């Protein structure tokens, strides 16, 4: 879950006295955002909302801007910006944790493909109907070769998938063994302090972090 804070500036509070109620009314029709707070801070209108997909905050900012344009009088000069994006709840996971979950899903898909194709092949191959000599060399039959080909294709797809892990910050492709050692259950705890080789992101700290304002200060 992401907690996004956006701001609207260049509209005076006195020029839009119903702002708080207008924003709440509009966002009732946008249930994918859950409003946490909407308030004035001087002449800045702040909106804080939770959602489960907007890791950059841009989606909320766009919809907030549409709301201001629709409800606020004299909106020609207003500006809406993202203030911060905070990771909360179950989404607060380290990159290494996400990599480990993806690796588990890839393994699960591989084993499930093998299991389903194996069961299907057994029904198709019907080994109990083969003569003893053919049964001993079932893998040399057309049906046996088909099953082995499916297993091999699934394994190749798995190998390709595990080479496509990328750093969430700089998007550099990461090497599973060298850069992400410790993902496998038997290797947990090894090299857990190894950061991204390109941008230095610590894979054992929560990501995404709060955004940083253009003036360099944390917001």
C-alpha atoms as a PDB file:
ATOM      1  CA  UNK A   1       0.000   0.000   0.000  1.00  0.00           C
ATOM      2  CA  UNK A   2       1.227   3.499  -0.834  1.00  0.00           C
ATOM      3  CA  UNK A   3       0.392   6.640   1.124  1.00  0.00           C
ATOM      4  CA  UNK A   4       0.660   9.559  -1.284  1.00  0.00           C
ATOM      5  CA  UNK A   5       0.698  13.234  -0.333  1.00  0.00           C
ATOM      6  CA  UNK A   6       0.073  15.844  -3.024  1.00  0.00           C
ATOM      7  CA  UNK A   7      -0.227  19.609  -2.841  1.00  0.00           C
ATOM      8  CA  UNK A   8      -1.984  22.317  -4.778  1.00  0.00           C
ATOM      9  CA  UNK A   9      -0.542  25.808  -4.679  1.00  0.00           C
ATOM     10  CA  UNK A  10      -1.313  29.241  -6.138  1.00  0.00           C
ATOM     11  CA  UNK A  11      -4.956  29.132  -5.072  1.00  0.00           C
ATOM     12  CA  UNK A  12      -5.773  31.177  -1.970  1.00  0.00           C
ATOM     13  CA  UNK A  13      -7.836  29.524   0.747  1.00  0.00           C
ATOM     14  CA  UNK A  14     -10.297  32.406   0.700  1.00  0.00           C
ATOM     15  CA  UNK A  15     -10.808  31.934  -3.040  1.00  0.00           C
ATOM     16  CA  UNK A  16     -11.989  28.338  -2.577  1.00  0.00           C
ATOM     17  CA  UNK A  17     -13.736  28.096   0.799  1.00  0.00           C
ATOM     18  CA  UNK A  18     -15.437  24.765  -0.005  1.00  0.00           C
ATOM     19  CA  UNK A  19     -12.233  23.054  -1.084  1.00  0.00           C
ATOM     20  CA  UNK A  20     -12.144  20.368   1.606  1.00  0.00           C
ATOM     21  CA  UNK A  21     -15.714  19.241   1.020  1.00  0.00           C
ATOM     22  CA  UNK A  22     -15.345  19.480  -2.771  1.00  0.00           C
ATOM     23  CA  UNK A  23     -12.280  17.245  -2.774  1.00  0.00           C
ATOM     24  CA  UNK A  24     -13.900  14.674  -0.496  1.00  0.00           C
ATOM     25  CA  UNK A  25     -17.046  14.687  -2.634  1.00  0.00           C
ATOM     26  CA  UNK A  26     -15.135  14.158  -5.851  1.00  0.00           C
ATOM     27  CA  UNK A  27     -12.968  11.360  -4.476  1.00  0.00           C
ATOM     28  CA  UNK A  28     -15.994   9.415  -3.267  1.00  0.00           C
ATOM     29  CA  UNK A  29     -16.425   8.566  -6.953  1.00  0.00           C
ATOM     30  CA  UNK A  30     -12.790   7.403  -7.114  1.00  0.00           C
ATOM     31  CA  UNK A  31     -12.797   4.437  -4.701  1.00  0.00           C
ATOM     32  CA  UNK A  32      -9.350   3.261  -5.787  1.00  0.00           C
ATOM     33  CA  UNK A  33      -8.032   6.096  -3.610  1.00  0.00           C
ATOM     34  CA  UNK A  34      -8.783   6.124   0.121  1.00  0.00           C
ATOM     35  CA  UNK A  35      -8.546   9.655   1.535  1.00  0.00           C
ATOM     36  CA  UNK A  36      -6.592   9.902   4.764  1.00  0.00           C
ATOM     37  CA  UNK A  37      -6.618  13.675   5.103  1.00  0.00           C
ATOM     38  CA  UNK A  38      -7.311  16.854   3.151  1.00  0.00           C
ATOM     39  CA  UNK A  39      -6.426  20.192   4.684  1.00  0.00           C
ATOM     40  CA  UNK A  40      -5.106  23.672   4.163  1.00  0.00           C
ATOM     41  CA  UNK A  41      -1.572  24.555   5.240  1.00  0.00           C
ATOM     42  CA  UNK A  42      -1.428  28.295   4.674  1.00  0.00           C
ATOM     43  CA  UNK A  43      -2.300  28.650   1.000  1.00  0.00           C
ATOM     44  CA  UNK A  44      -1.268  25.087   0.182  1.00  0.00           C
ATOM     45  CA  UNK A  45      -4.051  22.532  -0.182  1.00  0.00           C
ATOM     46  CA  UNK A  46      -2.764  19.125   0.879  1.00  0.00           C
ATOM     47  CA  UNK A  47      -4.349  15.782   0.033  1.00  0.00           C
ATOM     48  CA  UNK A  48      -3.192  12.514   1.591  1.00  0.00           C
ATOM     49  CA  UNK A  49      -4.593   9.271   0.198  1.00  0.00           C
ATOM     50  CA  UNK A  50      -3.794   5.549   0.185  1.00  0.00           C
ATOM     51  CA  UNK A  51      -3.846   3.240  -2.824  1.00  0.00           C
ATOM     52  CA  UNK A  52      -2.235  -0.027  -3.813  1.00  0.00           C
ATOM     53  CA  UNK A  53      -0.686   0.842  -7.170  1.00  0.00           C
ATOM     54  CA  UNK A  54       0.579   4.434  -7.369  1.00  0.00           C
ATOM     55  CA  UNK A  55       4.232   4.061  -6.374  1.00  0.00           C
ATOM     56  CA  UNK A  56       5.194   7.394  -7.976  1.00  0.00           C
ATOM     57  CA  UNK A  57       2.185   9.433  -6.788  1.00  0.00           C
ATOM     58  CA  UNK A  58       1.565  10.719 -10.317  1.00  0.00           C
ATOM     59  CA  UNK A  59      -1.855   9.071 -10.639  1.00  0.00           C
ATOM     60  CA  UNK A  60      -3.183  10.800  -7.532  1.00  0.00           C
ATOM     61  CA  UNK A  61      -1.620  14.090  -8.614  1.00  0.00           C
ATOM     62  CA  UNK A  62      -3.342  13.903 -12.021  1.00  0.00           C
ATOM     63  CA  UNK A  63      -6.743  13.145 -10.492  1.00  0.00           C
ATOM     64  CA  UNK A  64      -6.279  15.853  -7.860  1.00  0.00           C
ATOM     65  CA  UNK A  65      -5.453  18.314 -10.630  1.00  0.00           C
ATOM     66  CA  UNK A  66      -8.635  17.321 -12.478  1.00  0.00           C
ATOM     67  CA  UNK A  67     -10.604  17.910  -9.292  1.00  0.00           C
ATOM     68  CA  UNK A  68      -9.114  21.368  -8.782  1.00  0.00           C
ATOM     69  CA  UNK A  69      -9.817  22.274 -12.382  1.00  0.00           C
ATOM     70  CA  UNK A  70     -13.449  21.173 -12.068  1.00  0.00           C
ATOM     71  CA  UNK A  71     -14.300  22.741  -8.714  1.00  0.00           C
ATOM     72  CA  UNK A  72     -12.005  25.679  -8.016  1.00  0.00           C
ATOM     73  CA  UNK A  73     -12.797  29.124  -9.398  1.00  0.00           C
ATOM     74  CA  UNK A  74     -10.030  30.914 -11.310  1.00  0.00           C
ATOM     75  CA  UNK A  75      -7.824  27.870 -11.712  1.00  0.00           C
ATOM     76  CA  UNK A  76      -5.608  29.092 -14.521  1.00  0.00           C
ATOM     77  CA  UNK A  77      -2.496  29.506 -12.418  1.00  0.00           C
ATOM     78  CA  UNK A  78      -2.679  26.595  -9.997  1.00  0.00           C
ATOM     79  CA  UNK A  79      -0.013  23.889  -9.720  1.00  0.00           C
ATOM     80  CA  UNK A  80      -0.267  20.349  -8.334  1.00  0.00           C
ATOM     81  CA  UNK A  81       2.833  18.408  -7.272  1.00  0.00           C
ATOM     82  CA  UNK A  82       3.653  15.177  -5.485  1.00  0.00           C
ATOM     83  CA  UNK A  83       5.015  15.833  -2.003  1.00  0.00           C
ATOM     84  CA  UNK A  84       5.817  12.290  -0.843  1.00  0.00           C
ATOM     85  CA  UNK A  85       5.101   8.612  -1.353  1.00  0.00           C
ATOM     86  CA  UNK A  86       5.344   6.397   1.704  1.00  0.00           C
ATOM     87  CA  UNK A  87       5.252   2.604   1.607  1.00  0.00           C
ATOM     88  CA  UNK A  88       2.955   1.236   4.293  1.00  0.00           C
ATOM     89  CA  UNK A  89       1.443  -2.070   5.304  1.00  0.00           C
ATOM     90  CA  UNK A  90       2.173  -5.260   3.374  1.00  0.00           C
ATOM     91  CA  UNK A  91       3.770  -3.396   0.474  1.00  0.00           C
ATOM     92  CA  UNK A  92       6.630  -2.349   2.769  1.00  0.00           C
ATOM     93  CA  UNK A  93       9.003  -5.065   1.556  1.00  0.00           C
ATOM     94  CA  UNK A  94      12.676  -4.944   0.731  1.00  0.00           C
ATOM     95  CA  UNK A  95      13.787  -5.425  -2.881  1.00  0.00           C
ATOM     96  CA  UNK A  96      15.474  -8.672  -1.864  1.00  0.00           C
ATOM     97  CA  UNK A  97      12.171  -9.851  -0.384  1.00  0.00           C
ATOM     98  CA  UNK A  98      10.390  -9.088  -3.664  1.00  0.00           C
ATOM     99  CA  UNK A  99      13.149 -10.840  -5.631  1.00  0.00           C
ATOM    100  CA  UNK A 100      12.778 -13.878  -3.376  1.00  0.00           C
ATOM    101  CA  UNK A 101       9.004 -13.944  -3.887  1.00  0.00           C
ATOM    102  CA  UNK A 102       9.436 -13.753  -7.655  1.00  0.00           C
ATOM    103  CA  UNK A 103      11.975 -16.554  -7.608  1.00  0.00           C
ATOM    104  CA  UNK A 104       9.554 -18.692  -5.588  1.00  0.00           C
ATOM    105  CA  UNK A 105       6.769 -18.050  -8.104  1.00  0.00           C
ATOM    106  CA  UNK A 106       9.076 -18.960 -10.994  1.00  0.00           C
ATOM    107  CA  UNK A 107       9.988 -22.218  -9.263  1.00  0.00           C
ATOM    108  CA  UNK A 108       6.344 -22.922  -8.507  1.00  0.00           C
ATOM    109  CA  UNK A 109       5.410 -22.371 -12.153  1.00  0.00           C
ATOM    110  CA  UNK A 110       8.230 -24.659 -13.291  1.00  0.00           C
ATOM    111  CA  UNK A 111       7.300 -27.514 -10.962  1.00  0.00           C
ATOM    112  CA  UNK A 112       3.585 -27.095 -11.702  1.00  0.00           C
ATOM    113  CA  UNK A 113       4.281 -27.322 -15.449  1.00  0.00           C
ATOM    114  CA  UNK A 114       6.336 -30.458 -14.924  1.00  0.00           C
ATOM    115  CA  UNK A 115       3.698 -32.028 -12.698  1.00  0.00           C
ATOM    116  CA  UNK A 116       0.710 -31.235 -14.926  1.00  0.00           C
ATOM    117  CA  UNK A 117       2.488 -32.285 -18.115  1.00  0.00           C
ATOM    118  CA  UNK A 118       3.752 -35.427 -16.406  1.00  0.00           C
ATOM    119  CA  UNK A 119       0.292 -36.481 -15.294  1.00  0.00           C
ATOM    120  CA  UNK A 120      -1.167 -35.655 -18.695  1.00  0.00           C
ATOM    121  CA  UNK A 121       1.606 -37.538 -20.422  1.00  0.00           C
ATOM    122  CA  UNK A 122       0.991 -40.622 -18.293  1.00  0.00           C
ATOM    123  CA  UNK A 123      -2.625 -40.703 -19.434  1.00  0.00           C
ATOM    124  CA  UNK A 124      -1.603 -40.048 -23.033  1.00  0.00           C
ATOM    125  CA  UNK A 125       1.333 -42.449 -23.015  1.00  0.00           C
ATOM    126  CA  UNK A 126      -0.648 -45.181 -21.213  1.00  0.00           C
ATOM    127  CA  UNK A 127       2.449 -47.145 -20.157  1.00  0.00           C
ATOM    128  CA  UNK A 128       0.352 -50.076 -18.949  1.00  0.00           C
ATOM    129  CA  UNK A 129      -0.690 -50.656 -22.566  1.00  0.00           C
ATOM    130  CA  UNK A 130       2.866 -50.734 -23.894  1.00  0.00           C
ATOM    131  CA  UNK A 131       4.722 -53.962 -24.362  1.00  0.00           C
ATOM    132  CA  UNK A 132       7.586 -54.536 -21.875  1.00  0.00           C
ATOM    133  CA  UNK A 133      10.373 -53.653 -24.325  1.00  0.00           C
ATOM    134  CA  UNK A 134       8.785 -50.354 -25.400  1.00  0.00           C
ATOM    135  CA  UNK A 135       7.856 -49.501 -21.808  1.00  0.00           C
ATOM    136  CA  UNK A 136      11.513 -49.730 -20.773  1.00  0.00           C
ATOM    137  CA  UNK A 137      12.488 -47.155 -23.403  1.00  0.00           C
ATOM    138  CA  UNK A 138       9.328 -45.030 -23.255  1.00  0.00           C
ATOM    139  CA  UNK A 139      11.340 -41.823 -23.507  1.00  0.00           C
ATOM    140  CA  UNK A 140      12.394 -42.809 -27.047  1.00  0.00           C
ATOM    141  CA  UNK A 141       8.814 -42.960 -28.282  1.00  0.00           C
ATOM    142  CA  UNK A 142       7.115 -40.004 -29.964  1.00  0.00           C
ATOM    143  CA  UNK A 143       4.975 -39.350 -26.909  1.00  0.00           C
ATOM    144  CA  UNK A 144       7.922 -39.685 -24.559  1.00  0.00           C
ATOM    145  CA  UNK A 145      10.002 -37.248 -26.591  1.00  0.00           C
ATOM    146  CA  UNK A 146       7.085 -34.817 -26.536  1.00  0.00           C
ATOM    147  CA  UNK A 147       6.948 -34.890 -22.750  1.00  0.00           C
ATOM    148  CA  UNK A 148      10.704 -34.432 -22.423  1.00  0.00           C
ATOM    149  CA  UNK A 149      10.506 -31.497 -24.857  1.00  0.00           C
ATOM    150  CA  UNK A 150       7.805 -29.854 -22.716  1.00  0.00           C
ATOM    151  CA  UNK A 151       9.911 -30.316 -19.582  1.00  0.00           C
ATOM    152  CA  UNK A 152      12.978 -28.916 -21.312  1.00  0.00           C
ATOM    153  CA  UNK A 153      11.043 -25.901 -22.648  1.00  0.00           C
ATOM    154  CA  UNK A 154       9.684 -25.169 -19.169  1.00  0.00           C
ATOM    155  CA  UNK A 155      13.200 -25.333 -17.715  1.00  0.00           C
ATOM    156  CA  UNK A 156      14.579 -23.015 -20.405  1.00  0.00           C
ATOM    157  CA  UNK A 157      11.750 -20.532 -19.752  1.00  0.00           C
ATOM    158  CA  UNK A 158      12.592 -20.656 -16.042  1.00  0.00           C
ATOM    159  CA  UNK A 159      16.295 -20.028 -16.735  1.00  0.00           C
ATOM    160  CA  UNK A 160      15.431 -17.053 -18.944  1.00  0.00           C
ATOM    161  CA  UNK A 161      13.037 -15.614 -16.339  1.00  0.00           C
ATOM    162  CA  UNK A 162      15.575 -15.685 -13.513  1.00  0.00           C
ATOM    163  CA  UNK A 163      18.024 -13.634 -15.586  1.00  0.00           C
ATOM    164  CA  UNK A 164      15.589 -10.710 -15.792  1.00  0.00           C
ATOM    165  CA  UNK A 165      15.779  -9.365 -12.252  1.00  0.00           C
ATOM    166  CA  UNK A 166      16.400  -5.608 -12.309  1.00  0.00           C
ATOM    167  CA  UNK A 167      17.272  -2.999  -9.705  1.00  0.00           C
ATOM    168  CA  UNK A 168      14.037  -1.099  -8.866  1.00  0.00           C
ATOM    169  CA  UNK A 169      15.880   2.227  -8.844  1.00  0.00           C
ATOM    170  CA  UNK A 170      18.312   2.213 -11.802  1.00  0.00           C
ATOM    171  CA  UNK A 171      16.816  -0.793 -13.678  1.00  0.00           C
ATOM    172  CA  UNK A 172      20.209  -2.431 -14.149  1.00  0.00           C
ATOM    173  CA  UNK A 173      19.900  -6.148 -14.905  1.00  0.00           C
ATOM    174  CA  UNK A 174      21.145  -8.109 -11.906  1.00  0.00           C
ATOM    175  CA  UNK A 175      23.034 -11.389 -11.948  1.00  0.00           C
ATOM    176  CA  UNK A 176      21.230 -13.953  -9.838  1.00  0.00           C
ATOM    177  CA  UNK A 177      24.322 -15.612  -8.371  1.00  0.00           C
ATOM    178  CA  UNK A 178      26.738 -12.689  -8.099  1.00  0.00           C
ATOM    179  CA  UNK A 179      24.422  -9.767  -7.288  1.00  0.00           C
ATOM    180  CA  UNK A 180      21.480 -11.512  -5.615  1.00  0.00           C
ATOM    181  CA  UNK A 181      23.136 -14.340  -3.723  1.00  0.00           C
ATOM    182  CA  UNK A 182      21.101 -15.353  -0.703  1.00  0.00           C
ATOM    183  CA  UNK A 183      17.759 -15.632  -2.514  1.00  0.00           C
ATOM    184  CA  UNK A 184      17.637 -19.400  -2.348  1.00  0.00           C
ATOM    185  CA  UNK A 185      16.446 -20.920   0.915  1.00  0.00           C
ATOM    186  CA  UNK A 186      19.745 -22.746   1.462  1.00  0.00           C
ATOM    187  CA  UNK A 187      21.716 -19.538   0.884  1.00  0.00           C
ATOM    188  CA  UNK A 188      19.737 -17.129   3.059  1.00  0.00           C
ATOM    189  CA  UNK A 189      21.928 -14.970   5.206  1.00  0.00           C
ATOM    190  CA  UNK A 190      24.843 -14.963   2.790  1.00  0.00           C
ATOM    191  CA  UNK A 191      25.999 -11.690   1.226  1.00  0.00           C
ATOM    192  CA  UNK A 192      22.845  -9.934   2.389  1.00  0.00           C
ATOM    193  CA  UNK A 193      24.707  -6.626   2.531  1.00  0.00           C
ATOM    194  CA  UNK A 194      25.592  -6.630  -1.173  1.00  0.00           C
ATOM    195  CA  UNK A 195      23.993  -3.532  -2.829  1.00  0.00           C
ATOM    196  CA  UNK A 196      23.176  -2.822  -6.466  1.00  0.00           C
ATOM    197  CA  UNK A 197      26.505  -2.748  -8.356  1.00  0.00           C
ATOM    198  CA  UNK A 198      25.413   0.294 -10.382  1.00  0.00           C
ATOM    199  CA  UNK A 199      23.493   2.690  -8.114  1.00  0.00           C
ATOM    200  CA  UNK A 200      24.345   1.239  -4.697  1.00  0.00           C
ATOM    201  CA  UNK A 201      20.734   0.625  -3.625  1.00  0.00           C
ATOM    202  CA  UNK A 202      20.595  -1.483  -0.472  1.00  0.00           C
ATOM    203  CA  UNK A 203      18.379  -4.458  -1.314  1.00  0.00           C
ATOM    204  CA  UNK A 204      17.702  -5.093   2.368  1.00  0.00           C
ATOM    205  CA  UNK A 205      15.962  -1.775   3.035  1.00  0.00           C
ATOM    206  CA  UNK A 206      12.363  -0.925   2.162  1.00  0.00           C
ATOM    207  CA  UNK A 207      11.727   0.526  -1.286  1.00  0.00           C
ATOM    208  CA  UNK A 208      10.259   2.807  -2.599  1.00  0.00           C
ATOM    209  CA  UNK A 209      11.426   5.495  -0.174  1.00  0.00           C
ATOM    210  CA  UNK A 210       9.757   8.890   0.340  1.00  0.00           C
ATOM    211  CA  UNK A 211      10.269  11.211  -2.604  1.00  0.00           C
ATOM    212  CA  UNK A 212      12.722  14.091  -2.313  1.00  0.00           C
ATOM    213  CA  UNK A 213      11.705  17.648  -3.111  1.00  0.00           C
ATOM    214  CA  UNK A 214      13.384  19.506  -5.958  1.00  0.00           C
ATOM    215  CA  UNK A 215      15.144  21.810  -3.516  1.00  0.00           C
ATOM    216  CA  UNK A 216      16.927  18.808  -2.024  1.00  0.00           C
ATOM    217  CA  UNK A 217      15.016  18.572   1.225  1.00  0.00           C
ATOM    218  CA  UNK A 218      13.139  15.487   2.340  1.00  0.00           C
ATOM    219  CA  UNK A 219       9.394  15.972   2.073  1.00  0.00           C
END
